[in-house]
Amino acid sequence: MSVRLDGMVIRLEGECRVEEAEPLLALLQEAAGREVDLGAAGPLHTAVVQVLFALRPRIRAIPGDAFTARWLLPLFGVKEGQQE
C-alpha cells in the first residue's frame, strides 16, 4: 500500500494507483489538519489527485515525479522547487 499514516502526516509512496484513493480519503476525513507528504510519491492516479483537490490538505513535500511537481502542485498553491 502506498498510503501510510505517520502521526498527523499521510505519506504517499511509490506509484499511487486508483485503489489508494479510498484509503487516502478516509484518512483525510478521519482527522482535521492532516498533511500529505508527497516526497516519496511517484505518479498519482487521477482518483488520488481528485481526493487531494476535493479536500485540499496541506502538501508537505515535493514529489520526485516530474509531472506532478510541474503541473499539479501549482494548482495546490505549491511552487516547483518549494519545499514545505
N, C-alpha and C. Protein backbone atom coordinates (compact mmCIF):
# COMPACT_ATOMS: atom_id res chain seq x y z
N MET A 1 0.85 -1.18 0.00
CA MET A 1 0.00 0.00 0.00
C MET A 1 0.89 1.24 0.00
N SER A 2 0.56 2.21 -0.81
CA SER A 2 1.38 3.40 -0.92
C SER A 2 0.88 4.56 -0.06
N VAL A 3 -0.19 4.33 0.71
CA VAL A 3 -0.71 5.36 1.62
C VAL A 3 -0.42 4.90 3.04
N ARG A 4 0.33 5.74 3.79
CA ARG A 4 0.73 5.35 5.14
C ARG A 4 0.55 6.53 6.07
N LEU A 5 -0.04 6.29 7.22
CA LEU A 5 -0.23 7.32 8.23
C LEU A 5 0.95 7.31 9.19
N ASP A 6 1.54 8.49 9.39
CA ASP A 6 2.67 8.66 10.30
C ASP A 6 2.36 9.86 11.18
N GLY A 7 1.70 9.61 12.30
CA GLY A 7 1.25 10.70 13.16
C GLY A 7 0.13 11.48 12.47
N MET A 8 0.36 12.76 12.24
CA MET A 8 -0.63 13.60 11.54
C MET A 8 -0.27 13.79 10.07
N VAL A 9 0.68 13.00 9.60
CA VAL A 9 1.12 13.12 8.21
C VAL A 9 0.76 11.85 7.45
N ILE A 10 0.13 12.04 6.31
CA ILE A 10 -0.17 10.92 5.41
C ILE A 10 0.93 10.89 4.36
N ARG A 11 1.65 9.80 4.28
CA ARG A 11 2.74 9.68 3.32
C ARG A 11 2.29 8.85 2.13
N LEU A 12 2.44 9.42 0.94
CA LEU A 12 2.17 8.69 -0.29
C LEU A 12 3.52 8.26 -0.85
N GLU A 13 3.65 6.96 -1.11
CA GLU A 13 4.94 6.42 -1.52
C GLU A 13 4.78 5.58 -2.77
N GLY A 14 5.70 5.76 -3.69
CA GLY A 14 5.68 4.98 -4.93
C GLY A 14 4.52 5.38 -5.83
N GLU A 15 4.18 4.49 -6.73
CA GLU A 15 3.06 4.74 -7.65
C GLU A 15 1.75 4.65 -6.88
N CYS A 16 0.96 5.70 -6.95
CA CYS A 16 -0.32 5.74 -6.23
C CYS A 16 -1.44 5.43 -7.22
N ARG A 17 -1.97 4.23 -7.11
CA ARG A 17 -2.99 3.75 -8.04
C ARG A 17 -4.38 4.09 -7.56
N VAL A 18 -5.35 3.74 -8.37
CA VAL A 18 -6.75 4.06 -8.07
C VAL A 18 -7.18 3.49 -6.72
N GLU A 19 -6.64 2.35 -6.34
CA GLU A 19 -7.01 1.71 -5.06
C GLU A 19 -6.62 2.55 -3.85
N GLU A 20 -5.69 3.49 -4.04
CA GLU A 20 -5.20 4.30 -2.92
C GLU A 20 -6.12 5.49 -2.62
N ALA A 21 -7.02 5.82 -3.53
CA ALA A 21 -7.87 6.99 -3.35
C ALA A 21 -8.79 6.84 -2.14
N GLU A 22 -9.39 5.69 -1.98
CA GLU A 22 -10.33 5.49 -0.86
C GLU A 22 -9.64 5.54 0.50
N PRO A 23 -8.51 4.84 0.69
CA PRO A 23 -7.83 4.97 1.99
C PRO A 23 -7.34 6.40 2.26
N LEU A 24 -6.89 7.08 1.22
CA LEU A 24 -6.47 8.47 1.38
C LEU A 24 -7.64 9.34 1.83
N LEU A 25 -8.77 9.18 1.18
CA LEU A 25 -9.98 9.92 1.55
C LEU A 25 -10.36 9.66 3.01
N ALA A 26 -10.35 8.40 3.40
CA ALA A 26 -10.72 8.04 4.77
C ALA A 26 -9.78 8.67 5.79
N LEU A 27 -8.48 8.62 5.52
CA LEU A 27 -7.51 9.20 6.45
C LEU A 27 -7.66 10.71 6.56
N LEU A 28 -7.93 11.37 5.44
CA LEU A 28 -8.11 12.82 5.47
C LEU A 28 -9.40 13.22 6.19
N GLN A 29 -10.44 12.42 6.05
CA GLN A 29 -11.71 12.74 6.70
C GLN A 29 -11.72 12.39 8.18
N GLU A 30 -10.86 11.45 8.57
CA GLU A 30 -10.78 10.98 9.95
C GLU A 30 -10.36 12.07 10.94
N ALA A 31 -9.41 12.91 10.53
CA ALA A 31 -8.88 13.92 11.45
C ALA A 31 -8.55 15.19 10.67
N ALA A 32 -9.08 16.29 11.13
CA ALA A 32 -8.80 17.58 10.50
C ALA A 32 -7.34 17.95 10.72
N GLY A 33 -6.76 18.60 9.76
CA GLY A 33 -5.39 19.10 9.91
C GLY A 33 -4.30 18.14 9.46
N ARG A 34 -4.67 16.97 8.97
CA ARG A 34 -3.63 16.07 8.48
C ARG A 34 -2.99 16.65 7.22
N GLU A 35 -1.69 16.45 7.10
CA GLU A 35 -0.94 16.92 5.95
C GLU A 35 -0.60 15.72 5.07
N VAL A 36 -0.26 16.00 3.83
CA VAL A 36 0.12 14.95 2.90
C VAL A 36 1.56 15.18 2.45
N ASP A 37 2.39 14.16 2.63
CA ASP A 37 3.79 14.20 2.22
C ASP A 37 3.91 13.45 0.90
N LEU A 38 4.26 14.18 -0.15
CA LEU A 38 4.41 13.57 -1.47
C LEU A 38 5.88 13.32 -1.83
N GLY A 39 6.77 13.48 -0.87
CA GLY A 39 8.20 13.37 -1.12
C GLY A 39 8.64 12.06 -1.75
N ALA A 40 7.99 10.97 -1.44
CA ALA A 40 8.37 9.67 -1.99
C ALA A 40 7.34 9.16 -3.00
N ALA A 41 6.41 10.03 -3.39
CA ALA A 41 5.35 9.61 -4.31
C ALA A 41 5.85 9.58 -5.75
N GLY A 42 5.38 8.58 -6.46
CA GLY A 42 5.60 8.50 -7.90
C GLY A 42 4.39 9.09 -8.60
N PRO A 43 4.06 8.56 -9.76
CA PRO A 43 2.88 9.05 -10.46
C PRO A 43 1.62 8.85 -9.62
N LEU A 44 0.71 9.84 -9.69
CA LEU A 44 -0.54 9.80 -8.94
C LEU A 44 -1.69 9.52 -9.90
N HIS A 45 -2.49 8.51 -9.57
CA HIS A 45 -3.70 8.24 -10.37
C HIS A 45 -4.63 9.44 -10.24
N THR A 46 -5.42 9.69 -11.26
CA THR A 46 -6.32 10.85 -11.22
C THR A 46 -7.32 10.77 -10.06
N ALA A 47 -7.68 9.58 -9.61
CA ALA A 47 -8.59 9.45 -8.46
C ALA A 47 -7.92 9.99 -7.20
N VAL A 48 -6.63 9.74 -7.05
CA VAL A 48 -5.88 10.26 -5.90
C VAL A 48 -5.80 11.78 -5.99
N VAL A 49 -5.54 12.28 -7.19
CA VAL A 49 -5.48 13.73 -7.40
C VAL A 49 -6.83 14.37 -7.07
N GLN A 50 -7.91 13.73 -7.46
CA GLN A 50 -9.24 14.26 -7.19
C GLN A 50 -9.51 14.36 -5.68
N VAL A 51 -9.06 13.37 -4.92
CA VAL A 51 -9.23 13.42 -3.46
C VAL A 51 -8.45 14.61 -2.91
N LEU A 52 -7.22 14.79 -3.39
CA LEU A 52 -6.41 15.91 -2.92
C LEU A 52 -7.06 17.24 -3.28
N PHE A 53 -7.60 17.36 -4.49
CA PHE A 53 -8.27 18.60 -4.89
C PHE A 53 -9.53 18.84 -4.08
N ALA A 54 -10.28 17.80 -3.80
CA ALA A 54 -11.54 17.95 -3.07
C ALA A 54 -11.32 18.38 -1.62
N LEU A 55 -10.32 17.79 -0.97
CA LEU A 55 -10.13 18.06 0.46
C LEU A 55 -9.04 19.09 0.76
N ARG A 56 -8.21 19.39 -0.21
CA ARG A 56 -7.18 20.44 -0.09
C ARG A 56 -6.33 20.36 1.17
N PRO A 57 -5.71 19.20 1.45
CA PRO A 57 -4.81 19.14 2.61
C PRO A 57 -3.54 19.94 2.32
N ARG A 58 -2.82 20.28 3.35
CA ARG A 58 -1.52 20.94 3.16
C ARG A 58 -0.56 19.92 2.58
N ILE A 59 0.12 20.30 1.51
CA ILE A 59 1.11 19.42 0.88
C ILE A 59 2.44 19.72 1.52
N ARG A 60 3.05 18.67 2.05
CA ARG A 60 4.23 18.85 2.88
C ARG A 60 5.56 18.73 2.14
N ALA A 61 5.65 17.92 1.11
CA ALA A 61 6.92 17.75 0.40
C ALA A 61 6.66 17.58 -1.10
N ILE A 62 7.60 18.05 -1.87
CA ILE A 62 7.51 18.00 -3.33
C ILE A 62 7.82 16.58 -3.80
N PRO A 63 6.98 16.04 -4.71
CA PRO A 63 7.22 14.68 -5.20
C PRO A 63 8.38 14.62 -6.19
N GLY A 64 8.98 13.44 -6.30
CA GLY A 64 10.03 13.22 -7.28
C GLY A 64 9.47 13.10 -8.68
N ASP A 65 8.20 12.78 -8.81
CA ASP A 65 7.58 12.64 -10.12
C ASP A 65 7.51 14.01 -10.78
N ALA A 66 8.18 14.16 -11.92
CA ALA A 66 8.30 15.45 -12.60
C ALA A 66 6.95 16.01 -13.03
N PHE A 67 6.05 15.18 -13.53
CA PHE A 67 4.74 15.66 -13.98
C PHE A 67 3.95 16.25 -12.82
N THR A 68 3.91 15.53 -11.72
CA THR A 68 3.18 16.00 -10.55
C THR A 68 3.76 17.31 -10.03
N ALA A 69 5.09 17.36 -9.92
CA ALA A 69 5.74 18.57 -9.41
C ALA A 69 5.51 19.76 -10.34
N ARG A 70 5.58 19.54 -11.62
CA ARG A 70 5.49 20.65 -12.58
C ARG A 70 4.07 21.12 -12.83
N TRP A 71 3.12 20.19 -12.96
CA TRP A 71 1.79 20.55 -13.42
C TRP A 71 0.70 20.52 -12.35
N LEU A 72 0.82 19.65 -11.37
CA LEU A 72 -0.26 19.53 -10.39
C LEU A 72 -0.04 20.38 -9.14
N LEU A 73 1.19 20.42 -8.63
CA LEU A 73 1.42 21.16 -7.39
C LEU A 73 1.08 22.64 -7.48
N PRO A 74 1.33 23.32 -8.61
CA PRO A 74 0.92 24.72 -8.68
C PRO A 74 -0.59 24.92 -8.48
N LEU A 75 -1.37 23.92 -8.81
CA LEU A 75 -2.82 24.01 -8.61
C LEU A 75 -3.18 23.96 -7.13
N PHE A 76 -2.25 23.47 -6.30
CA PHE A 76 -2.44 23.45 -4.85
C PHE A 76 -1.77 24.65 -4.18
N GLY A 77 -1.18 25.52 -4.99
CA GLY A 77 -0.50 26.69 -4.44
C GLY A 77 0.93 26.42 -4.03
N VAL A 78 1.47 25.28 -4.44
CA VAL A 78 2.86 24.93 -4.13
C VAL A 78 3.66 25.14 -5.41
N LYS A 79 4.74 25.92 -5.30
CA LYS A 79 5.57 26.19 -6.47
C LYS A 79 6.63 25.12 -6.62
N GLU A 80 6.98 24.82 -7.88
CA GLU A 80 8.03 23.85 -8.17
C GLU A 80 9.32 24.33 -7.52
N GLY A 81 10.02 23.43 -6.85
CA GLY A 81 11.25 23.78 -6.17
C GLY A 81 11.02 24.26 -4.74
N GLN A 82 9.78 24.51 -4.35
CA GLN A 82 9.45 24.95 -3.00
C GLN A 82 9.35 23.73 -2.10
N GLN A 83 10.05 23.74 -1.00
CA GLN A 83 9.98 22.64 -0.04
C GLN A 83 9.18 23.11 1.15
N GLU A 84 8.12 22.41 1.49
CA GLU A 84 7.27 22.79 2.63
C GLU A 84 7.91 22.32 3.92
